[in-house]
Amino acid sequence: MNKTMKKTEVSKSRKQLVGTVVSDKMKDTVVVEVSRFVKHPKYDKYLSKDKRFKADDKGNTKKVGDKVTIEECAPISKDKKFRVI
């Protein structure tokens, strides 16, 4: 690179999901259940698919039943790869 060229950083967009808190029993961690509808390829019926993610919750501010948005981040532990926004 020349001295006149500037280095620019490209920020990657992080995956954001909306779900419901189903467990808040761990320290600084909540379990968030994300639901989505998927169309069955053969029967053309819509099915509800649920997936649970562990998310970092600093200060334990979220409680069971809260609707939250979680964002993908660098791995915090073995299972935690999301944080609560």
PDB file of N, CA and C in Angstrom:
ATOM      1  N   MET A   1       0.828  -1.188   0.000  1.00  0.00           N
ATOM      2  CA  MET A   1       0.000   0.000   0.000  1.00  0.00           C
ATOM      3  C   MET A   1       0.865   1.241   0.000  1.00  0.00           C
ATOM      4  N   ASN A   2       0.404   2.222  -0.694  1.00  0.00           N
ATOM      5  CA  ASN A   2       1.099   3.505  -0.702  1.00  0.00           C
ATOM      6  C   ASN A   2       0.792   4.271   0.574  1.00  0.00           C
ATOM      7  N   LYS A   3       1.584   5.304   0.811  1.00  0.00           N
ATOM      8  CA  LYS A   3       1.352   6.116   1.997  1.00  0.00           C
ATOM      9  C   LYS A   3       0.056   6.914   1.885  1.00  0.00           C
ATOM     10  N   THR A   4      -0.362   7.176   0.656  1.00  0.00           N
ATOM     11  CA  THR A   4      -1.568   7.989   0.474  1.00  0.00           C
ATOM     12  C   THR A   4      -2.852   7.171   0.584  1.00  0.00           C
ATOM     13  N   MET A   5      -2.752   5.847   0.431  1.00  0.00           N
ATOM     14  CA  MET A   5      -3.946   5.010   0.515  1.00  0.00           C
ATOM     15  C   MET A   5      -4.345   4.811   1.974  1.00  0.00           C
ATOM     16  N   LYS A   6      -5.632   4.872   2.218  1.00  0.00           N
ATOM     17  CA  LYS A   6      -6.128   4.679   3.576  1.00  0.00           C
ATOM     18  C   LYS A   6      -6.687   3.276   3.721  1.00  0.00           C
ATOM     19  N   LYS A   7      -6.490   2.735   4.882  1.00  0.00           N
ATOM     20  CA  LYS A   7      -7.024   1.409   5.171  1.00  0.00           C
ATOM     21  C   LYS A   7      -8.469   1.572   5.649  1.00  0.00           C
ATOM     22  N   THR A   8      -9.388   0.890   4.977  1.00  0.00           N
ATOM     23  CA  THR A   8     -10.791   0.983   5.369  1.00  0.00           C
ATOM     24  C   THR A   8     -11.239  -0.345   5.943  1.00  0.00           C
ATOM     25  N   GLU A   9     -12.070  -0.259   6.959  1.00  0.00           N
ATOM     26  CA  GLU A   9     -12.602  -1.463   7.577  1.00  0.00           C
ATOM     27  C   GLU A   9     -14.013  -1.697   7.070  1.00  0.00           C
ATOM     28  N   VAL A  10     -14.298  -2.933   6.753  1.00  0.00           N
ATOM     29  CA  VAL A  10     -15.629  -3.303   6.300  1.00  0.00           C
ATOM     30  C   VAL A  10     -16.302  -4.049   7.443  1.00  0.00           C
ATOM     31  N   SER A  11     -17.428  -3.506   7.916  1.00  0.00           N
ATOM     32  CA  SER A  11     -18.126  -4.172   9.012  1.00  0.00           C
ATOM     33  C   SER A  11     -19.130  -5.161   8.443  1.00  0.00           C
ATOM     34  N   LYS A  12     -19.068  -6.380   8.936  1.00  0.00           N
ATOM     35  CA  LYS A  12     -20.000  -7.403   8.490  1.00  0.00           C
ATOM     36  C   LYS A  12     -21.278  -7.276   9.305  1.00  0.00           C
ATOM     37  N   SER A  13     -22.405  -7.438   8.647  1.00  0.00           N
ATOM     38  CA  SER A  13     -23.656  -7.382   9.388  1.00  0.00           C
ATOM     39  C   SER A  13     -23.805  -8.675  10.179  1.00  0.00           C
ATOM     40  N   ARG A  14     -24.245  -8.538  11.397  1.00  0.00           N
ATOM     41  CA  ARG A  14     -24.392  -9.696  12.268  1.00  0.00           C
ATOM     42  C   ARG A  14     -25.835 -10.155  12.266  1.00  0.00           C
ATOM     43  N   LYS A  15     -26.016 -11.448  12.394  1.00  0.00           N
ATOM     44  CA  LYS A  15     -27.351 -12.033  12.385  1.00  0.00           C
ATOM     45  C   LYS A  15     -28.115 -11.596  13.631  1.00  0.00           C
ATOM     46  N   GLN A  16     -29.345 -11.123  13.430  1.00  0.00           N
ATOM     47  CA  GLN A  16     -30.204 -10.744  14.541  1.00  0.00           C
ATOM     48  C   GLN A  16     -31.464 -11.590  14.507  1.00  0.00           C
ATOM     49  N   LEU A  17     -31.861 -12.094  15.671  1.00  0.00           N
ATOM     50  CA  LEU A  17     -33.041 -12.936  15.792  1.00  0.00           C
ATOM     51  C   LEU A  17     -33.927 -12.403  16.911  1.00  0.00           C
ATOM     52  N   VAL A  18     -35.235 -12.612  16.772  1.00  0.00           N
ATOM     53  CA  VAL A  18     -36.193 -12.194  17.798  1.00  0.00           C
ATOM     54  C   VAL A  18     -36.805 -13.444  18.407  1.00  0.00           C
ATOM     55  N   GLY A  19     -36.848 -13.495  19.732  1.00  0.00           N
ATOM     56  CA  GLY A  19     -37.402 -14.669  20.396  1.00  0.00           C
ATOM     57  C   GLY A  19     -37.884 -14.355  21.796  1.00  0.00           C
ATOM     58  N   THR A  20     -38.254 -15.397  22.515  1.00  0.00           N
ATOM     59  CA  THR A  20     -38.790 -15.277  23.862  1.00  0.00           C
ATOM     60  C   THR A  20     -37.856 -15.960  24.853  1.00  0.00           C
ATOM     61  N   VAL A  21     -37.636 -15.326  25.992  1.00  0.00           N
ATOM     62  CA  VAL A  21     -36.792 -15.909  27.032  1.00  0.00           C
ATOM     63  C   VAL A  21     -37.553 -17.059  27.691  1.00  0.00           C
ATOM     64  N   VAL A  22     -36.945 -18.253  27.705  1.00  0.00           N
ATOM     65  CA  VAL A  22     -37.584 -19.419  28.318  1.00  0.00           C
ATOM     66  C   VAL A  22     -36.884 -19.853  29.603  1.00  0.00           C
ATOM     67  N   SER A  23     -35.664 -19.360  29.842  1.00  0.00           N
ATOM     68  CA  SER A  23     -34.955 -19.696  31.075  1.00  0.00           C
ATOM     69  C   SER A  23     -33.985 -18.572  31.422  1.00  0.00           C
ATOM     70  N   ASP A  24     -33.949 -18.218  32.714  1.00  0.00           N
ATOM     71  CA  ASP A  24     -32.998 -17.205  33.182  1.00  0.00           C
ATOM     72  C   ASP A  24     -32.296 -17.671  34.458  1.00  0.00           C
ATOM     73  N   LYS A  25     -32.108 -18.967  34.602  1.00  0.00           N
ATOM     74  CA  LYS A  25     -31.566 -19.540  35.834  1.00  0.00           C
ATOM     75  C   LYS A  25     -30.045 -19.453  35.931  1.00  0.00           C
ATOM     76  N   MET A  26     -29.369 -19.221  34.805  1.00  0.00           N
ATOM     77  CA  MET A  26     -27.911 -19.168  34.819  1.00  0.00           C
ATOM     78  C   MET A  26     -27.429 -17.739  35.043  1.00  0.00           C
ATOM     79  N   LYS A  27     -26.209 -17.613  35.534  1.00  0.00           N
ATOM     80  CA  LYS A  27     -25.633 -16.301  35.776  1.00  0.00           C
ATOM     81  C   LYS A  27     -25.218 -15.676  34.441  1.00  0.00           C
ATOM     82  N   ASP A  28     -25.688 -14.459  34.188  1.00  0.00           N
ATOM     83  CA  ASP A  28     -25.368 -13.687  32.974  1.00  0.00           C
ATOM     84  C   ASP A  28     -25.740 -14.410  31.683  1.00  0.00           C
ATOM     85  N   THR A  29     -26.678 -15.342  31.729  1.00  0.00           N
ATOM     86  CA  THR A  29     -27.080 -16.091  30.538  1.00  0.00           C
ATOM     87  C   THR A  29     -28.585 -16.296  30.547  1.00  0.00           C
ATOM     88  N   VAL A  30     -29.191 -16.159  29.368  1.00  0.00           N
ATOM     89  CA  VAL A  30     -30.602 -16.502  29.200  1.00  0.00           C
ATOM     90  C   VAL A  30     -30.720 -17.461  28.025  1.00  0.00           C
ATOM     91  N   VAL A  31     -31.760 -18.297  28.056  1.00  0.00           N
ATOM     92  CA  VAL A  31     -32.044 -19.184  26.936  1.00  0.00           C
ATOM     93  C   VAL A  31     -33.211 -18.569  26.180  1.00  0.00           C
ATOM     94  N   VAL A  32     -33.003 -18.310  24.886  1.00  0.00           N
ATOM     95  CA  VAL A  32     -34.004 -17.654  24.050  1.00  0.00           C
ATOM     96  C   VAL A  32     -34.500 -18.651  23.016  1.00  0.00           C
ATOM     97  N   GLU A  33     -35.828 -18.790  22.907  1.00  0.00           N
ATOM     98  CA  GLU A  33     -36.424 -19.681  21.914  1.00  0.00           C
ATOM     99  C   GLU A  33     -36.891 -18.846  20.727  1.00  0.00           C
ATOM    100  N   VAL A  34     -36.386 -19.192  19.540  1.00  0.00           N
ATOM    101  CA  VAL A  34     -36.723 -18.486  18.305  1.00  0.00           C
ATOM    102  C   VAL A  34     -37.606 -19.400  17.464  1.00  0.00           C
ATOM    103  N   SER A  35     -38.769 -18.886  17.045  1.00  0.00           N
ATOM    104  CA  SER A  35     -39.700 -19.665  16.222  1.00  0.00           C
ATOM    105  C   SER A  35     -39.692 -19.132  14.797  1.00  0.00           C
ATOM    106  N   ARG A  36     -39.851 -20.034  13.843  1.00  0.00           N
ATOM    107  CA  ARG A  36     -39.967 -19.630  12.439  1.00  0.00           C
ATOM    108  C   ARG A  36     -40.892 -20.608  11.735  1.00  0.00           C
ATOM    109  N   PHE A  37     -41.526 -20.143  10.670  1.00  0.00           N
ATOM    110  CA  PHE A  37     -42.430 -20.980   9.894  1.00  0.00           C
ATOM    111  C   PHE A  37     -41.726 -21.436   8.627  1.00  0.00           C
ATOM    112  N   VAL A  38     -41.819 -22.741   8.352  1.00  0.00           N
ATOM    113  CA  VAL A  38     -41.175 -23.339   7.188  1.00  0.00           C
ATOM    114  C   VAL A  38     -42.231 -24.086   6.397  1.00  0.00           C
ATOM    115  N   LYS A  39     -42.208 -23.914   5.085  1.00  0.00           N
ATOM    116  CA  LYS A  39     -43.165 -24.602   4.227  1.00  0.00           C
ATOM    117  C   LYS A  39     -42.626 -25.990   3.886  1.00  0.00           C
ATOM    118  N   HIS A  40     -43.452 -27.015   4.092  1.00  0.00           N
ATOM    119  CA  HIS A  40     -43.057 -28.379   3.765  1.00  0.00           C
ATOM    120  C   HIS A  40     -42.988 -28.505   2.243  1.00  0.00           C
ATOM    121  N   PRO A  41     -41.885 -29.044   1.704  1.00  0.00           N
ATOM    122  CA  PRO A  41     -41.721 -29.072   0.248  1.00  0.00           C
ATOM    123  C   PRO A  41     -42.743 -29.936  -0.486  1.00  0.00           C
ATOM    124  N   LYS A  42     -43.185 -31.017   0.120  1.00  0.00           N
ATOM    125  CA  LYS A  42     -44.098 -31.920  -0.570  1.00  0.00           C
ATOM    126  C   LYS A  42     -45.561 -31.593  -0.294  1.00  0.00           C
ATOM    127  N   TYR A  43     -45.894 -31.322   0.958  1.00  0.00           N
ATOM    128  CA  TYR A  43     -47.295 -31.169   1.344  1.00  0.00           C
ATOM    129  C   TYR A  43     -47.778 -29.718   1.364  1.00  0.00           C
ATOM    130  N   ASP A  44     -46.898 -28.766   1.113  1.00  0.00           N
ATOM    131  CA  ASP A  44     -47.243 -27.341   1.083  1.00  0.00           C
ATOM    132  C   ASP A  44     -47.935 -26.875   2.363  1.00  0.00           C
ATOM    133  N   LYS A  45     -47.566 -27.457   3.474  1.00  0.00           N
ATOM    134  CA  LYS A  45     -48.114 -27.053   4.759  1.00  0.00           C
ATOM    135  C   LYS A  45     -47.024 -26.304   5.527  1.00  0.00           C
ATOM    136  N   TYR A  46     -47.427 -25.266   6.249  1.00  0.00           N
ATOM    137  CA  TYR A  46     -46.465 -24.502   7.026  1.00  0.00           C
ATOM    138  C   TYR A  46     -46.313 -25.120   8.408  1.00  0.00           C
ATOM    139  N   LEU A  47     -45.063 -25.321   8.817  1.00  0.00           N
ATOM    140  CA  LEU A  47     -44.746 -25.919  10.103  1.00  0.00           C
ATOM    141  C   LEU A  47     -43.987 -24.912  10.954  1.00  0.00           C
ATOM    142  N   SER A  48     -44.179 -24.983  12.257  1.00  0.00           N
ATOM    143  CA  SER A  48     -43.461 -24.114  13.175  1.00  0.00           C
ATOM    144  C   SER A  48     -42.209 -24.841  13.662  1.00  0.00           C
ATOM    145  N   LYS A  49     -41.064 -24.248  13.428  1.00  0.00           N
ATOM    146  CA  LYS A  49     -39.800 -24.818  13.893  1.00  0.00           C
ATOM    147  C   LYS A  49     -39.254 -23.916  14.990  1.00  0.00           C
ATOM    148  N   ASP A  50     -38.872 -24.511  16.115  1.00  0.00           N
ATOM    149  CA  ASP A  50     -38.332 -23.769  17.243  1.00  0.00           C
ATOM    150  C   ASP A  50     -36.879 -24.156  17.464  1.00  0.00           C
ATOM    151  N   LYS A  51     -36.072 -23.169  17.851  1.00  0.00           N
ATOM    152  CA  LYS A  51     -34.678 -23.434  18.178  1.00  0.00           C
ATOM    153  C   LYS A  51     -34.305 -22.573  19.375  1.00  0.00           C
ATOM    154  N   ARG A  52     -33.509 -23.141  20.269  1.00  0.00           N
ATOM    155  CA  ARG A  52     -33.110 -22.427  21.476  1.00  0.00           C
ATOM    156  C   ARG A  52     -31.643 -22.026  21.392  1.00  0.00           C
ATOM    157  N   PHE A  53     -31.377 -20.793  21.780  1.00  0.00           N
ATOM    158  CA  PHE A  53     -30.024 -20.258  21.789  1.00  0.00           C
ATOM    159  C   PHE A  53     -29.710 -19.733  23.180  1.00  0.00           C
ATOM    160  N   LYS A  54     -28.477 -19.966  23.634  1.00  0.00           N
ATOM    161  CA  LYS A  54     -28.009 -19.340  24.868  1.00  0.00           C
ATOM    162  C   LYS A  54     -27.421 -17.988  24.492  1.00  0.00           C
ATOM    163  N   ALA A  55     -27.824 -16.959  25.236  1.00  0.00           N
ATOM    164  CA  ALA A  55     -27.377 -15.605  24.928  1.00  0.00           C
ATOM    165  C   ALA A  55     -26.835 -14.938  26.186  1.00  0.00           C
ATOM    166  N   ASP A  56     -25.847 -14.075  26.004  1.00  0.00           N
ATOM    167  CA  ASP A  56     -25.224 -13.352  27.106  1.00  0.00           C
ATOM    168  C   ASP A  56     -26.134 -12.202  27.528  1.00  0.00           C
ATOM    169  N   ASP A  57     -26.418 -12.108  28.829  1.00  0.00           N
ATOM    170  CA  ASP A  57     -27.284 -11.066  29.379  1.00  0.00           C
ATOM    171  C   ASP A  57     -26.575 -10.456  30.577  1.00  0.00           C
ATOM    172  N   LYS A  58     -25.773  -9.435  30.335  1.00  0.00           N
ATOM    173  CA  LYS A  58     -25.031  -8.791  31.418  1.00  0.00           C
ATOM    174  C   LYS A  58     -26.002  -8.137  32.390  1.00  0.00           C
ATOM    175  N   GLY A  59     -25.847  -8.445  33.653  1.00  0.00           N
ATOM    176  CA  GLY A  59     -26.677  -7.843  34.682  1.00  0.00           C
ATOM    177  C   GLY A  59     -27.972  -8.576  34.955  1.00  0.00           C
ATOM    178  N   ASN A  60     -28.227  -9.660  34.253  1.00  0.00           N
ATOM    179  CA  ASN A  60     -29.450 -10.452  34.454  1.00  0.00           C
ATOM    180  C   ASN A  60     -30.708  -9.588  34.439  1.00  0.00           C
ATOM    181  N   THR A  61     -30.880  -8.791  33.388  1.00  0.00           N
ATOM    182  CA  THR A  61     -32.014  -7.868  33.309  1.00  0.00           C
ATOM    183  C   THR A  61     -33.262  -8.505  32.723  1.00  0.00           C
ATOM    184  N   LYS A  62     -33.134  -9.576  31.965  1.00  0.00           N
ATOM    185  CA  LYS A  62     -34.287 -10.196  31.290  1.00  0.00           C
ATOM    186  C   LYS A  62     -34.868 -11.319  32.136  1.00  0.00           C
ATOM    187  N   LYS A  63     -36.188 -11.450  32.070  1.00  0.00           N
ATOM    188  CA  LYS A  63     -36.899 -12.482  32.826  1.00  0.00           C
ATOM    189  C   LYS A  63     -37.652 -13.399  31.875  1.00  0.00           C
ATOM    190  N   VAL A  64     -38.139 -14.525  32.371  1.00  0.00           N
ATOM    191  CA  VAL A  64     -38.875 -15.499  31.564  1.00  0.00           C
ATOM    192  C   VAL A  64     -40.125 -14.836  30.982  1.00  0.00           C
ATOM    193  N   GLY A  65     -40.332 -15.031  29.681  1.00  0.00           N
ATOM    194  CA  GLY A  65     -41.490 -14.468  29.003  1.00  0.00           C
ATOM    195  C   GLY A  65     -41.201 -13.179  28.266  1.00  0.00           C
ATOM    196  N   ASP A  66     -40.056 -12.544  28.524  1.00  0.00           N
ATOM    197  CA  ASP A  66     -39.708 -11.301  27.828  1.00  0.00           C
ATOM    198  C   ASP A  66     -39.402 -11.583  26.369  1.00  0.00           C
ATOM    199  N   LYS A  67     -39.822 -10.678  25.497  1.00  0.00           N
ATOM    200  CA  LYS A  67     -39.495 -10.778  24.079  1.00  0.00           C
ATOM    201  C   LYS A  67     -38.211  -9.983  23.860  1.00  0.00           C
ATOM    202  N   VAL A  68     -37.183 -10.628  23.308  1.00  0.00           N
ATOM    203  CA  VAL A  68     -35.875  -9.993  23.166  1.00  0.00           C
ATOM    204  C   VAL A  68     -35.333 -10.167  21.752  1.00  0.00           C
ATOM    205  N   THR A  69     -34.389  -9.313  21.419  1.00  0.00           N
ATOM    206  CA  THR A  69     -33.630  -9.431  20.178  1.00  0.00           C
ATOM    207  C   THR A  69     -32.217  -9.841  20.553  1.00  0.00           C
ATOM    208  N   ILE A  70     -31.705 -10.879  19.895  1.00  0.00           N
ATOM    209  CA  ILE A  70     -30.341 -11.319  20.155  1.00  0.00           C
ATOM    210  C   ILE A  70     -29.511 -11.114  18.891  1.00  0.00           C
ATOM    211  N   GLU A  71     -28.221 -10.850  19.103  1.00  0.00           N
ATOM    212  CA  GLU A  71     -27.317 -10.570  17.991  1.00  0.00           C
ATOM    213  C   GLU A  71     -26.123 -11.514  18.063  1.00  0.00           C
ATOM    214  N   GLU A  72     -25.713 -11.987  16.912  1.00  0.00           N
ATOM    215  CA  GLU A  72     -24.564 -12.880  16.823  1.00  0.00           C
ATOM    216  C   GLU A  72     -23.300 -12.124  17.215  1.00  0.00           C
ATOM    217  N   CYS A  73     -22.389 -12.806  17.904  1.00  0.00           N
ATOM    218  CA  CYS A  73     -21.126 -12.191  18.297  1.00  0.00           C
ATOM    219  C   CYS A  73     -20.044 -13.270  18.341  1.00  0.00           C
ATOM    220  N   ALA A  74     -18.852 -12.870  18.691  1.00  0.00           N
ATOM    221  CA  ALA A  74     -17.762 -13.836  18.829  1.00  0.00           C
ATOM    222  C   ALA A  74     -18.093 -14.787  19.977  1.00  0.00           C
ATOM    223  N   PRO A  75     -17.657 -16.041  19.903  1.00  0.00           N
ATOM    224  CA  PRO A  75     -17.996 -17.004  20.960  1.00  0.00           C
ATOM    225  C   PRO A  75     -17.554 -16.524  22.345  1.00  0.00           C
ATOM    226  N   ILE A  76     -18.500 -16.553  23.278  1.00  0.00           N
ATOM    227  CA  ILE A  76     -18.229 -16.156  24.654  1.00  0.00           C
ATOM    228  C   ILE A  76     -17.863 -17.383  25.475  1.00  0.00           C
ATOM    229  N   SER A  77     -18.517 -18.502  25.195  1.00  0.00           N
ATOM    230  CA  SER A  77     -18.210 -19.777  25.840  1.00  0.00           C
ATOM    231  C   SER A  77     -18.513 -20.886  24.835  1.00  0.00           C
ATOM    232  N   LYS A  78     -18.548 -22.118  25.308  1.00  0.00           N
ATOM    233  CA  LYS A  78     -18.785 -23.248  24.407  1.00  0.00           C
ATOM    234  C   LYS A  78     -20.126 -23.134  23.694  1.00  0.00           C
ATOM    235  N   ASP A  79     -21.164 -22.720  24.408  1.00  0.00           N
ATOM    236  CA  ASP A  79     -22.510 -22.670  23.838  1.00  0.00           C
ATOM    237  C   ASP A  79     -23.003 -21.260  23.516  1.00  0.00           C
ATOM    238  N   LYS A  80     -22.425 -20.228  24.127  1.00  0.00           N
ATOM    239  CA  LYS A  80     -22.920 -18.858  23.941  1.00  0.00           C
ATOM    240  C   LYS A  80     -22.227 -18.179  22.771  1.00  0.00           C
ATOM    241  N   LYS A  81     -23.025 -17.879  21.740  1.00  0.00           N
ATOM    242  CA  LYS A  81     -22.507 -17.162  20.581  1.00  0.00           C
ATOM    243  C   LYS A  81     -23.404 -15.985  20.216  1.00  0.00           C
ATOM    244  N   PHE A  82     -24.323 -15.624  21.123  1.00  0.00           N
ATOM    245  CA  PHE A  82     -25.240 -14.510  20.921  1.00  0.00           C
ATOM    246  C   PHE A  82     -25.235 -13.634  22.165  1.00  0.00           C
ATOM    247  N   ARG A  83     -25.637 -12.366  21.993  1.00  0.00           N
ATOM    248  CA  ARG A  83     -25.813 -11.480  23.138  1.00  0.00           C
ATOM    249  C   ARG A  83     -27.133 -10.744  22.996  1.00  0.00           C
ATOM    250  N   VAL A  84     -27.735 -10.410  24.123  1.00  0.00           N
ATOM    251  CA  VAL A  84     -29.021  -9.718  24.131  1.00  0.00           C
ATOM    252  C   VAL A  84     -28.781  -8.244  23.849  1.00  0.00           C
ATOM    253  N   ILE A  85     -29.598  -7.693  22.952  1.00  0.00           N
ATOM    254  CA  ILE A  85     -29.484  -6.262  22.622  1.00  0.00           C
ATOM    255  C   ILE A  85     -30.401  -5.477  23.537  1.00  0.00           C
TER     256      ILE A  85
END
